[in-house]
Structure formats: structure tokens, C-alpha cells
Amino acid sequence: MVETRAQAMANERIDKIEEEVQTLHSKMDQIDNHLKSLDCLIRDKGKEPAPEEAYTGHEYHEGESSHSPHVWHTHPPPNQRPPKLDMPKFDGSHTSAWLAQMEQYFQLHHIIDEGTKLMVGTMYLDSQRWQWKEWYQRCNGHFQNWGKFTKALRSRFEQEDSFLGRLTKL
């Protein structure tokens, strides 16, 4: 009876070990699959995208003008970045045009958060407009979002864009 009991315990241990080995094999297969996926990603990283994967920007839809709001219906592939753009610094002139360019920049880079828009947009102010922004914030408090900033910017600089604004500046 003692031998039978010892054999039963040994058999139980063997069964447990076999289960653990099976589990380890399964986990090793999962790791192997992950490594293969990573290897493919690393190899494909240096390749040029296929023409159908190339970043094409916004597609024209019937009835849409070039002034229509552009909404990305799909995102570019994860390894594809939007084209690099040289965004001009705001120099106090052509306020509406500069703000429209900034809005397109935000859309292109999928920037939707108002606080992020404010941080990015103010980085494109020339030194005199940056000083104006700092002065404005000392007098009126920090801008809460991009919309409030653009309202103050228009109020201050759009008048200079008009003939009457230039005349009153004399």
C-alpha cells in the first residue's frame, strides 16, 4: 500500500509537470509570434511605402471647394508622417490668413486639443508678437484656449491690416 501511494503521488507530480511544460510551450509560441511580428516591423521600417500607402492628403469630394473644412476620414499609416511644413511666424500682418494656415496645420497634424493648439500656435509668433502675448497675459491673465487667443489676436492686429487701421495708427 505504501508503494501504491508513493506511485500515485509520483504520477500526480508528473501530471502537474506535464501541464506546466505544456503551458510553457504555449507561452513560448506566443513569444515567438511576437518576435516574428517585431522582426517584420523592423525590416519594413526602412522601406519606402507602396504607392497605395503613400500619404496623399485630403481627397476632393463633389460639391466641396478649396475653402471647405478638411476632415481626415482616414489616418495615414502609423509609420507615415504628414509632410514637413515651414509654418511662417506671425509678424502682425495678414492675421486672418495666418490663422487659417494655423488651422490647416492643426488639421494636418491631428491637433484637436485647444490647449495644445495654443502652445503650438504661440510658438509661431515673432519676437514682437511674443512680447505682445506676454504683456497681454500679464494684464489680462493667461489665455485659456486657442479660441480666446485668436480673438485677442484679431482684436489687436486685424485693425492694422485694414486701410482705416493703418490710417489711425499714424
N, C-alpha and C. Protein backbone atom coordinates (compact mmCIF):
# COMPACT_ATOMS: atom_id res chain seq x y z
N MET A 1 0.81 -1.19 0.00
CA MET A 1 0.00 0.00 0.00
C MET A 1 0.85 1.25 0.00
N VAL A 2 1.98 1.18 0.66
CA VAL A 2 2.86 2.34 0.72
C VAL A 2 3.42 2.62 -0.66
N GLU A 3 3.79 1.60 -1.40
CA GLU A 3 4.31 1.79 -2.74
C GLU A 3 3.25 2.36 -3.67
N THR A 4 2.04 1.93 -3.57
CA THR A 4 0.97 2.42 -4.41
C THR A 4 0.71 3.89 -4.16
N ARG A 5 0.70 4.24 -2.89
CA ARG A 5 0.50 5.64 -2.55
C ARG A 5 1.65 6.49 -3.09
N ALA A 6 2.86 6.01 -2.96
CA ALA A 6 4.04 6.73 -3.48
C ALA A 6 3.95 6.84 -5.00
N GLN A 7 3.50 5.77 -5.63
CA GLN A 7 3.35 5.82 -7.09
C GLN A 7 2.28 6.83 -7.50
N ALA A 8 1.19 6.87 -6.76
CA ALA A 8 0.11 7.82 -7.07
C ALA A 8 0.60 9.25 -6.93
N MET A 9 1.37 9.52 -5.87
CA MET A 9 1.92 10.88 -5.68
C MET A 9 2.89 11.23 -6.79
N ALA A 10 3.68 10.25 -7.18
CA ALA A 10 4.65 10.49 -8.27
C ALA A 10 3.91 10.76 -9.58
N ASN A 11 2.85 10.00 -9.83
CA ASN A 11 2.06 10.20 -11.05
C ASN A 11 1.41 11.59 -11.06
N GLU A 12 0.91 12.04 -9.88
CA GLU A 12 0.32 13.38 -9.78
C GLU A 12 1.36 14.45 -10.11
N ARG A 13 2.55 14.28 -9.56
CA ARG A 13 3.63 15.23 -9.81
C ARG A 13 3.99 15.25 -11.30
N ILE A 14 4.04 14.10 -11.88
CA ILE A 14 4.36 14.01 -13.32
C ILE A 14 3.29 14.71 -14.14
N ASP A 15 2.02 14.49 -13.77
CA ASP A 15 0.92 15.16 -14.49
C ASP A 15 1.02 16.68 -14.38
N LYS A 16 1.33 17.19 -13.18
CA LYS A 16 1.47 18.63 -12.97
C LYS A 16 2.64 19.18 -13.79
N ILE A 17 3.72 18.43 -13.79
CA ILE A 17 4.89 18.88 -14.56
C ILE A 17 4.58 18.91 -16.05
N GLU A 18 3.87 17.90 -16.53
CA GLU A 18 3.48 17.87 -17.94
C GLU A 18 2.56 19.05 -18.28
N GLU A 19 1.63 19.41 -17.39
CA GLU A 19 0.76 20.56 -17.61
C GLU A 19 1.58 21.85 -17.67
N GLU A 20 2.53 21.99 -16.75
CA GLU A 20 3.37 23.19 -16.73
C GLU A 20 4.23 23.28 -17.99
N VAL A 21 4.74 22.15 -18.44
CA VAL A 21 5.54 22.14 -19.67
C VAL A 21 4.66 22.55 -20.85
N GLN A 22 3.44 22.07 -20.90
CA GLN A 22 2.50 22.43 -21.97
C GLN A 22 2.23 23.94 -21.95
N THR A 23 2.01 24.48 -20.76
CA THR A 23 1.77 25.92 -20.61
C THR A 23 2.99 26.71 -21.09
N LEU A 24 4.18 26.25 -20.71
CA LEU A 24 5.40 26.93 -21.13
C LEU A 24 5.57 26.88 -22.66
N HIS A 25 5.25 25.77 -23.26
CA HIS A 25 5.32 25.66 -24.72
C HIS A 25 4.37 26.66 -25.38
N SER A 26 3.17 26.78 -24.84
CA SER A 26 2.18 27.71 -25.38
C SER A 26 2.69 29.15 -25.26
N LYS A 27 3.25 29.49 -24.11
CA LYS A 27 3.78 30.85 -23.91
C LYS A 27 4.97 31.11 -24.82
N MET A 28 5.81 30.10 -25.02
CA MET A 28 6.96 30.27 -25.91
C MET A 28 6.49 30.49 -27.35
N ASP A 29 5.43 29.80 -27.76
CA ASP A 29 4.88 30.02 -29.10
C ASP A 29 4.36 31.45 -29.26
N GLN A 30 3.69 31.97 -28.22
CA GLN A 30 3.21 33.35 -28.26
C GLN A 30 4.38 34.33 -28.37
N ILE A 31 5.42 34.10 -27.60
CA ILE A 31 6.60 34.97 -27.65
C ILE A 31 7.25 34.90 -29.02
N ASP A 32 7.34 33.71 -29.57
CA ASP A 32 7.91 33.53 -30.90
C ASP A 32 7.12 34.32 -31.95
N ASN A 33 5.79 34.28 -31.86
CA ASN A 33 4.95 35.03 -32.80
C ASN A 33 5.16 36.53 -32.65
N HIS A 34 5.27 37.01 -31.41
CA HIS A 34 5.53 38.43 -31.18
C HIS A 34 6.89 38.84 -31.75
N LEU A 35 7.89 38.00 -31.56
CA LEU A 35 9.22 38.30 -32.09
C LEU A 35 9.21 38.36 -33.62
N LYS A 36 8.47 37.45 -34.25
CA LYS A 36 8.36 37.48 -35.71
C LYS A 36 7.69 38.76 -36.18
N SER A 37 6.64 39.19 -35.46
CA SER A 37 5.96 40.45 -35.82
C SER A 37 6.90 41.63 -35.69
N LEU A 38 7.65 41.67 -34.60
CA LEU A 38 8.60 42.76 -34.40
C LEU A 38 9.69 42.75 -35.47
N ASP A 39 10.15 41.56 -35.82
CA ASP A 39 11.17 41.45 -36.86
C ASP A 39 10.66 42.01 -38.19
N CYS A 40 9.40 41.70 -38.52
CA CYS A 40 8.80 42.22 -39.76
C CYS A 40 8.71 43.74 -39.70
N LEU A 41 8.29 44.28 -38.57
CA LEU A 41 8.18 45.73 -38.44
C LEU A 41 9.54 46.40 -38.59
N ILE A 42 10.56 45.82 -38.00
CA ILE A 42 11.90 46.39 -38.08
C ILE A 42 12.40 46.34 -39.52
N ARG A 43 12.20 45.23 -40.21
CA ARG A 43 12.63 45.11 -41.61
C ARG A 43 11.90 46.09 -42.50
N ASP A 44 10.59 46.29 -42.27
CA ASP A 44 9.78 47.17 -43.11
C ASP A 44 10.00 48.64 -42.80
N LYS A 45 10.60 48.96 -41.67
CA LYS A 45 10.79 50.35 -41.25
C LYS A 45 11.59 51.15 -42.27
N GLY A 46 12.61 50.58 -42.84
CA GLY A 46 13.47 51.30 -43.78
C GLY A 46 12.95 51.35 -45.20
N LYS A 47 11.91 50.58 -45.50
CA LYS A 47 11.40 50.53 -46.86
C LYS A 47 10.50 51.72 -47.17
N GLU A 48 10.46 52.11 -48.43
CA GLU A 48 9.54 53.16 -48.88
C GLU A 48 8.14 52.57 -48.89
N PRO A 49 7.13 53.38 -48.55
CA PRO A 49 5.76 52.85 -48.60
C PRO A 49 5.35 52.56 -50.03
N ALA A 50 4.50 51.56 -50.18
CA ALA A 50 3.97 51.25 -51.50
C ALA A 50 3.11 52.42 -51.97
N PRO A 51 2.97 52.61 -53.28
CA PRO A 51 2.21 53.76 -53.78
C PRO A 51 0.82 53.88 -53.17
N GLU A 52 0.13 52.77 -52.93
CA GLU A 52 -1.21 52.88 -52.36
C GLU A 52 -1.17 53.28 -50.89
N GLU A 53 -0.01 53.14 -50.22
CA GLU A 53 0.11 53.54 -48.83
C GLU A 53 0.63 54.97 -48.70
N ALA A 54 1.05 55.56 -49.79
CA ALA A 54 1.66 56.89 -49.72
C ALA A 54 0.66 57.91 -49.18
N TYR A 55 1.16 58.87 -48.47
CA TYR A 55 0.34 59.92 -47.87
C TYR A 55 -0.15 60.84 -48.97
N THR A 56 -1.44 60.94 -49.14
CA THR A 56 -1.99 61.72 -50.25
C THR A 56 -2.70 62.97 -49.79
N GLY A 57 -2.88 63.17 -48.49
CA GLY A 57 -3.58 64.35 -48.02
C GLY A 57 -5.08 64.18 -48.16
N HIS A 58 -5.79 65.28 -48.40
CA HIS A 58 -7.24 65.26 -48.43
C HIS A 58 -7.74 64.92 -49.82
N GLU A 59 -8.75 64.07 -49.88
CA GLU A 59 -9.35 63.74 -51.16
C GLU A 59 -10.51 64.70 -51.42
N TYR A 60 -10.67 65.11 -52.68
CA TYR A 60 -11.74 66.01 -53.06
C TYR A 60 -13.05 65.25 -53.11
N HIS A 61 -14.10 65.86 -52.57
CA HIS A 61 -15.43 65.29 -52.63
C HIS A 61 -16.32 66.24 -53.40
N GLU A 62 -17.22 65.71 -54.20
CA GLU A 62 -18.08 66.52 -55.04
C GLU A 62 -18.82 67.57 -54.21
N GLY A 63 -18.85 68.80 -54.73
CA GLY A 63 -19.54 69.88 -54.05
C GLY A 63 -18.67 70.57 -53.02
N GLU A 64 -17.43 70.19 -52.92
CA GLU A 64 -16.54 70.76 -51.92
C GLU A 64 -15.59 71.73 -52.59
N SER A 65 -15.43 72.90 -52.02
CA SER A 65 -14.50 73.87 -52.58
C SER A 65 -13.18 73.78 -51.83
N SER A 66 -12.20 74.53 -52.30
CA SER A 66 -10.91 74.52 -51.61
C SER A 66 -11.01 75.20 -50.26
N HIS A 67 -12.13 75.89 -50.01
CA HIS A 67 -12.32 76.56 -48.72
C HIS A 67 -13.14 75.73 -47.76
N SER A 68 -13.55 74.53 -48.17
CA SER A 68 -14.34 73.67 -47.31
C SER A 68 -13.47 73.19 -46.15
N PRO A 69 -14.08 72.98 -44.98
CA PRO A 69 -13.28 72.44 -43.88
C PRO A 69 -12.82 71.03 -44.23
N HIS A 70 -11.54 70.78 -44.07
CA HIS A 70 -10.99 69.47 -44.40
C HIS A 70 -11.00 68.60 -43.17
N VAL A 71 -11.61 67.44 -43.28
CA VAL A 71 -11.66 66.49 -42.19
C VAL A 71 -11.00 65.22 -42.69
N TRP A 72 -10.09 64.68 -41.92
CA TRP A 72 -9.45 63.42 -42.31
C TRP A 72 -10.44 62.30 -42.05
N HIS A 73 -10.78 61.60 -43.11
CA HIS A 73 -11.69 60.47 -42.97
C HIS A 73 -10.92 59.22 -42.58
N THR A 74 -9.67 59.18 -42.95
CA THR A 74 -8.81 58.08 -42.55
C THR A 74 -7.49 58.69 -42.11
N HIS A 75 -6.77 57.95 -41.33
CA HIS A 75 -5.47 58.41 -40.88
C HIS A 75 -4.41 57.80 -41.77
N PRO A 76 -3.28 58.52 -41.95
CA PRO A 76 -2.20 57.91 -42.71
C PRO A 76 -1.69 56.68 -41.96
N PRO A 77 -1.00 55.78 -42.65
CA PRO A 77 -0.46 54.60 -41.96
C PRO A 77 0.37 55.05 -40.76
N PRO A 78 0.44 54.23 -39.69
CA PRO A 78 1.12 54.64 -38.47
C PRO A 78 2.58 55.03 -38.67
N ASN A 79 3.26 54.44 -39.64
CA ASN A 79 4.66 54.79 -39.85
C ASN A 79 4.81 55.93 -40.86
N GLN A 80 3.72 56.52 -41.30
CA GLN A 80 3.76 57.59 -42.29
C GLN A 80 3.44 58.91 -41.61
N ARG A 81 4.35 59.85 -41.69
CA ARG A 81 4.15 61.17 -41.08
C ARG A 81 3.61 62.14 -42.12
N PRO A 82 2.88 63.17 -41.66
CA PRO A 82 2.47 64.21 -42.60
C PRO A 82 3.72 64.92 -43.12
N PRO A 83 3.62 65.57 -44.27
CA PRO A 83 4.80 66.25 -44.80
C PRO A 83 5.26 67.36 -43.87
N LYS A 84 6.57 67.60 -43.84
CA LYS A 84 7.11 68.66 -43.01
C LYS A 84 6.81 69.99 -43.69
N LEU A 85 6.31 70.93 -42.91
CA LEU A 85 5.94 72.23 -43.45
C LEU A 85 6.71 73.33 -42.74
N ASP A 86 7.05 74.37 -43.48
CA ASP A 86 7.64 75.55 -42.87
C ASP A 86 6.52 76.53 -42.60
N MET A 87 6.05 76.54 -41.37
CA MET A 87 4.97 77.42 -40.98
C MET A 87 5.56 78.80 -40.69
N PRO A 88 5.05 79.85 -41.35
CA PRO A 88 5.62 81.18 -41.12
C PRO A 88 5.27 81.69 -39.72
N LYS A 89 6.18 82.47 -39.17
CA LYS A 89 5.89 83.12 -37.88
C LYS A 89 4.96 84.29 -38.14
N PHE A 90 4.09 84.54 -37.18
CA PHE A 90 3.15 85.66 -37.31
C PHE A 90 3.90 86.95 -37.04
N ASP A 91 3.88 87.86 -38.03
CA ASP A 91 4.60 89.12 -37.91
C ASP A 91 3.68 90.32 -37.72
N GLY A 92 2.41 90.06 -37.45
CA GLY A 92 1.46 91.13 -37.21
C GLY A 92 0.65 91.51 -38.43
N SER A 93 0.98 90.97 -39.58
CA SER A 93 0.23 91.29 -40.80
C SER A 93 -0.56 90.07 -41.26
N HIS A 94 -1.61 90.31 -42.01
CA HIS A 94 -2.44 89.25 -42.60
C HIS A 94 -2.89 88.24 -41.54
N THR A 95 -3.49 88.78 -40.50
CA THR A 95 -3.90 87.97 -39.34
C THR A 95 -4.81 86.81 -39.75
N SER A 96 -5.85 87.09 -40.52
CA SER A 96 -6.80 86.04 -40.89
C SER A 96 -6.13 84.94 -41.70
N ALA A 97 -5.25 85.31 -42.62
CA ALA A 97 -4.55 84.31 -43.44
C ALA A 97 -3.65 83.44 -42.57
N TRP A 98 -2.93 84.05 -41.64
CA TRP A 98 -2.05 83.28 -40.77
C TRP A 98 -2.86 82.31 -39.89
N LEU A 99 -3.97 82.79 -39.35
CA LEU A 99 -4.81 81.93 -38.52
C LEU A 99 -5.39 80.77 -39.34
N ALA A 100 -5.77 81.02 -40.58
CA ALA A 100 -6.29 79.96 -41.45
C ALA A 100 -5.19 78.92 -41.71
N GLN A 101 -3.97 79.38 -41.92
CA GLN A 101 -2.85 78.44 -42.13
C GLN A 101 -2.61 77.61 -40.87
N MET A 102 -2.71 78.25 -39.70
CA MET A 102 -2.51 77.50 -38.46
C MET A 102 -3.60 76.43 -38.30
N GLU A 103 -4.83 76.77 -38.65
CA GLU A 103 -5.92 75.78 -38.55
C GLU A 103 -5.64 74.59 -39.47
N GLN A 104 -5.15 74.85 -40.67
CA GLN A 104 -4.80 73.75 -41.57
C GLN A 104 -3.65 72.92 -41.00
N TYR A 105 -2.69 73.59 -40.41
CA TYR A 105 -1.56 72.91 -39.78
C TYR A 105 -2.08 71.97 -38.67
N PHE A 106 -2.99 72.48 -37.85
CA PHE A 106 -3.55 71.66 -36.77
C PHE A 106 -4.29 70.45 -37.33
N GLN A 107 -5.05 70.65 -38.40
CA GLN A 107 -5.79 69.53 -39.00
C GLN A 107 -4.83 68.50 -39.57
N LEU A 108 -3.81 68.97 -40.25
CA LEU A 108 -2.84 68.06 -40.86
C LEU A 108 -2.13 67.21 -39.83
N HIS A 109 -1.85 67.79 -38.67
CA HIS A 109 -1.14 67.09 -37.61
C HIS A 109 -2.07 66.51 -36.55
N HIS A 110 -3.39 66.54 -36.83
CA HIS A 110 -4.40 65.95 -35.94
C HIS A 110 -4.33 66.55 -34.53
N ILE A 111 -4.13 67.86 -34.45
CA ILE A 111 -4.11 68.55 -33.16
C ILE A 111 -5.51 69.08 -32.93
N ILE A 112 -6.21 68.51 -31.96
CA ILE A 112 -7.59 68.94 -31.71
C ILE A 112 -7.75 69.59 -30.34
N ASP A 113 -6.85 69.32 -29.42
CA ASP A 113 -6.94 69.89 -28.09
C ASP A 113 -6.63 71.38 -28.12
N GLU A 114 -7.53 72.20 -27.54
CA GLU A 114 -7.39 73.66 -27.57
C GLU A 114 -6.13 74.13 -26.86
N GLY A 115 -5.77 73.49 -25.76
CA GLY A 115 -4.54 73.85 -25.03
C GLY A 115 -3.30 73.58 -25.85
N THR A 116 -3.30 72.45 -26.54
CA THR A 116 -2.16 72.11 -27.40
C THR A 116 -2.08 73.08 -28.58
N LYS A 117 -3.23 73.42 -29.15
CA LYS A 117 -3.24 74.41 -30.23
C LYS A 117 -2.62 75.72 -29.76
N LEU A 118 -2.97 76.14 -28.55
CA LEU A 118 -2.44 77.38 -28.00
C LEU A 118 -0.93 77.31 -27.86
N MET A 119 -0.43 76.21 -27.31
CA MET A 119 1.01 76.06 -27.12
C MET A 119 1.75 76.05 -28.45
N VAL A 120 1.23 75.28 -29.41
CA VAL A 120 1.89 75.19 -30.72
C VAL A 120 1.78 76.51 -31.46
N GLY A 121 0.59 77.09 -31.49
CA GLY A 121 0.37 78.33 -32.22
C GLY A 121 1.23 79.48 -31.73
N THR A 122 1.37 79.62 -30.42
CA THR A 122 2.17 80.73 -29.90
C THR A 122 3.66 80.54 -30.17
N MET A 123 4.07 79.32 -30.48
CA MET A 123 5.48 79.10 -30.85
C MET A 123 5.79 79.73 -32.21
N TYR A 124 4.75 80.05 -32.98
CA TYR A 124 4.93 80.64 -34.30
C TYR A 124 4.66 82.15 -34.29
N LEU A 125 4.93 82.80 -33.16
CA LEU A 125 4.87 84.26 -33.08
C LEU A 125 6.29 84.80 -33.19
N ASP A 126 6.45 85.90 -33.97
CA ASP A 126 7.79 86.50 -33.99
C ASP A 126 8.03 87.19 -32.65
N SER A 127 9.22 87.73 -32.44
CA SER A 127 9.58 88.24 -31.11
C SER A 127 8.69 89.39 -30.65
N GLN A 128 8.29 90.29 -31.55
CA GLN A 128 7.43 91.40 -31.13
C GLN A 128 6.04 90.91 -30.74
N ARG A 129 5.47 89.98 -31.50
CA ARG A 129 4.15 89.43 -31.17
C ARG A 129 4.24 88.59 -29.91
N TRP A 130 5.38 87.93 -29.69
CA TRP A 130 5.58 87.16 -28.45
C TRP A 130 5.56 88.13 -27.26
N GLN A 131 6.21 89.27 -27.40
CA GLN A 131 6.20 90.27 -26.33
C GLN A 131 4.78 90.78 -26.09
N TRP A 132 4.02 90.98 -27.16
CA TRP A 132 2.63 91.41 -27.00
C TRP A 132 1.84 90.36 -26.21
N LYS A 133 2.04 89.07 -26.57
CA LYS A 133 1.34 87.99 -25.87
C LYS A 133 1.68 87.99 -24.38
N GLU A 134 2.95 88.13 -24.05
CA GLU A 134 3.37 88.15 -22.66
C GLU A 134 2.76 89.35 -21.93
N TRP A 135 2.77 90.52 -22.55
CA TRP A 135 2.18 91.72 -21.95
C TRP A 135 0.68 91.51 -21.73
N TYR A 136 0.00 90.98 -22.76
CA TYR A 136 -1.44 90.75 -22.67
C TYR A 136 -1.76 89.82 -21.49
N GLN A 137 -0.99 88.77 -21.34
CA GLN A 137 -1.24 87.81 -20.27
C GLN A 137 -0.95 88.41 -18.89
N ARG A 138 0.06 89.28 -18.79
CA ARG A 138 0.31 89.93 -17.51
C ARG A 138 -0.86 90.83 -17.12
N CYS A 139 -1.45 91.49 -18.11
CA CYS A 139 -2.56 92.41 -17.84
C CYS A 139 -3.90 91.71 -17.68
N ASN A 140 -4.12 90.63 -18.44
CA ASN A 140 -5.45 90.01 -18.52
C ASN A 140 -5.51 88.56 -18.04
N GLY A 141 -4.42 88.00 -17.64
CA GLY A 141 -4.39 86.59 -17.26
C GLY A 141 -4.06 85.72 -18.46
N HIS A 142 -3.68 84.50 -18.18
CA HIS A 142 -3.27 83.58 -19.25
C HIS A 142 -4.44 83.22 -20.14
N PHE A 143 -4.13 83.01 -21.42
CA PHE A 143 -5.15 82.55 -22.35
C PHE A 143 -5.58 81.15 -21.93
N GLN A 144 -6.87 80.91 -21.96
CA GLN A 144 -7.40 79.61 -21.55
C GLN A 144 -7.37 78.60 -22.69
N ASN A 145 -7.49 79.09 -23.92
CA ASN A 145 -7.52 78.17 -25.06
C ASN A 145 -7.20 78.93 -26.34
N TRP A 146 -7.12 78.19 -27.44
CA TRP A 146 -6.78 78.76 -28.74
C TRP A 146 -7.83 79.77 -29.20
N GLY A 147 -9.10 79.51 -28.96
CA GLY A 147 -10.17 80.41 -29.38
C GLY A 147 -10.04 81.79 -28.74
N LYS A 148 -9.76 81.84 -27.45
CA LYS A 148 -9.61 83.13 -26.76
C LYS A 148 -8.36 83.85 -27.24
N PHE A 149 -7.31 83.10 -27.52
CA PHE A 149 -6.09 83.71 -28.05
C PHE A 149 -6.35 84.34 -29.42
N THR A 150 -7.03 83.60 -30.31
CA THR A 150 -7.27 84.14 -31.66
C THR A 150 -8.17 85.37 -31.61
N LYS A 151 -9.11 85.39 -30.68
CA LYS A 151 -9.99 86.55 -30.54
C LYS A 151 -9.16 87.78 -30.15
N ALA A 152 -8.27 87.63 -29.18
CA ALA A 152 -7.41 88.74 -28.76
C ALA A 152 -6.45 89.14 -29.88
N LEU A 153 -5.93 88.15 -30.60
CA LEU A 153 -5.00 88.43 -31.70
C LEU A 153 -5.70 89.23 -32.80
N ARG A 154 -6.90 88.81 -33.15
CA ARG A 154 -7.66 89.54 -34.17
C ARG A 154 -7.97 90.97 -33.70
N SER A 155 -8.37 91.09 -32.46
CA SER A 155 -8.71 92.40 -31.92
C SER A 155 -7.51 93.34 -31.98
N ARG A 156 -6.34 92.83 -31.72
CA ARG A 156 -5.14 93.67 -31.71
C ARG A 156 -4.56 93.92 -33.10
N PHE A 157 -4.51 92.89 -33.95
CA PHE A 157 -3.74 93.02 -35.19
C PHE A 157 -4.57 93.14 -36.46
N GLU A 158 -5.82 92.71 -36.47
CA GLU A 158 -6.60 92.82 -37.70
C GLU A 158 -6.85 94.26 -38.08
N GLN A 159 -6.97 95.13 -37.10
CA GLN A 159 -7.20 96.54 -37.41
C GLN A 159 -6.03 97.13 -38.19
N GLU A 160 -4.82 96.60 -37.97
CA GLU A 160 -3.66 97.09 -38.69
C GLU A 160 -3.67 96.63 -40.14
N ASP A 161 -4.39 95.55 -40.44
CA ASP A 161 -4.45 95.04 -41.81
C ASP A 161 -5.31 95.92 -42.71
N SER A 162 -6.22 96.67 -42.13
CA SER A 162 -7.13 97.47 -42.95
C SER A 162 -6.55 98.85 -43.20
N PHE A 163 -7.08 99.50 -44.22
CA PHE A 163 -6.64 100.87 -44.56
C PHE A 163 -6.92 101.81 -43.41
N LEU A 164 -8.12 101.70 -42.83
CA LEU A 164 -8.50 102.56 -41.72
C LEU A 164 -7.60 102.32 -40.52
N GLY A 165 -7.23 101.07 -40.29
CA GLY A 165 -6.33 100.73 -39.18
C GLY A 165 -4.97 101.36 -39.36
N ARG A 166 -4.45 101.34 -40.58
CA ARG A 166 -3.15 101.98 -40.83
C ARG A 166 -3.26 103.48 -40.69
N LEU A 167 -4.38 104.04 -41.13
CA LEU A 167 -4.58 105.49 -41.04
C LEU A 167 -4.65 105.94 -39.58
N THR A 168 -5.34 105.17 -38.74
CA THR A 168 -5.46 105.56 -37.33
C THR A 168 -4.14 105.35 -36.58
N LYS A 169 -3.30 104.50 -37.10
CA LYS A 169 -2.00 104.27 -36.48
C LYS A 169 -1.07 105.45 -36.66
N LEU A 170 -1.32 106.28 -37.75
CA LEU A 170 -0.50 107.46 -37.98
C LEU A 170 -0.73 108.43 -36.87
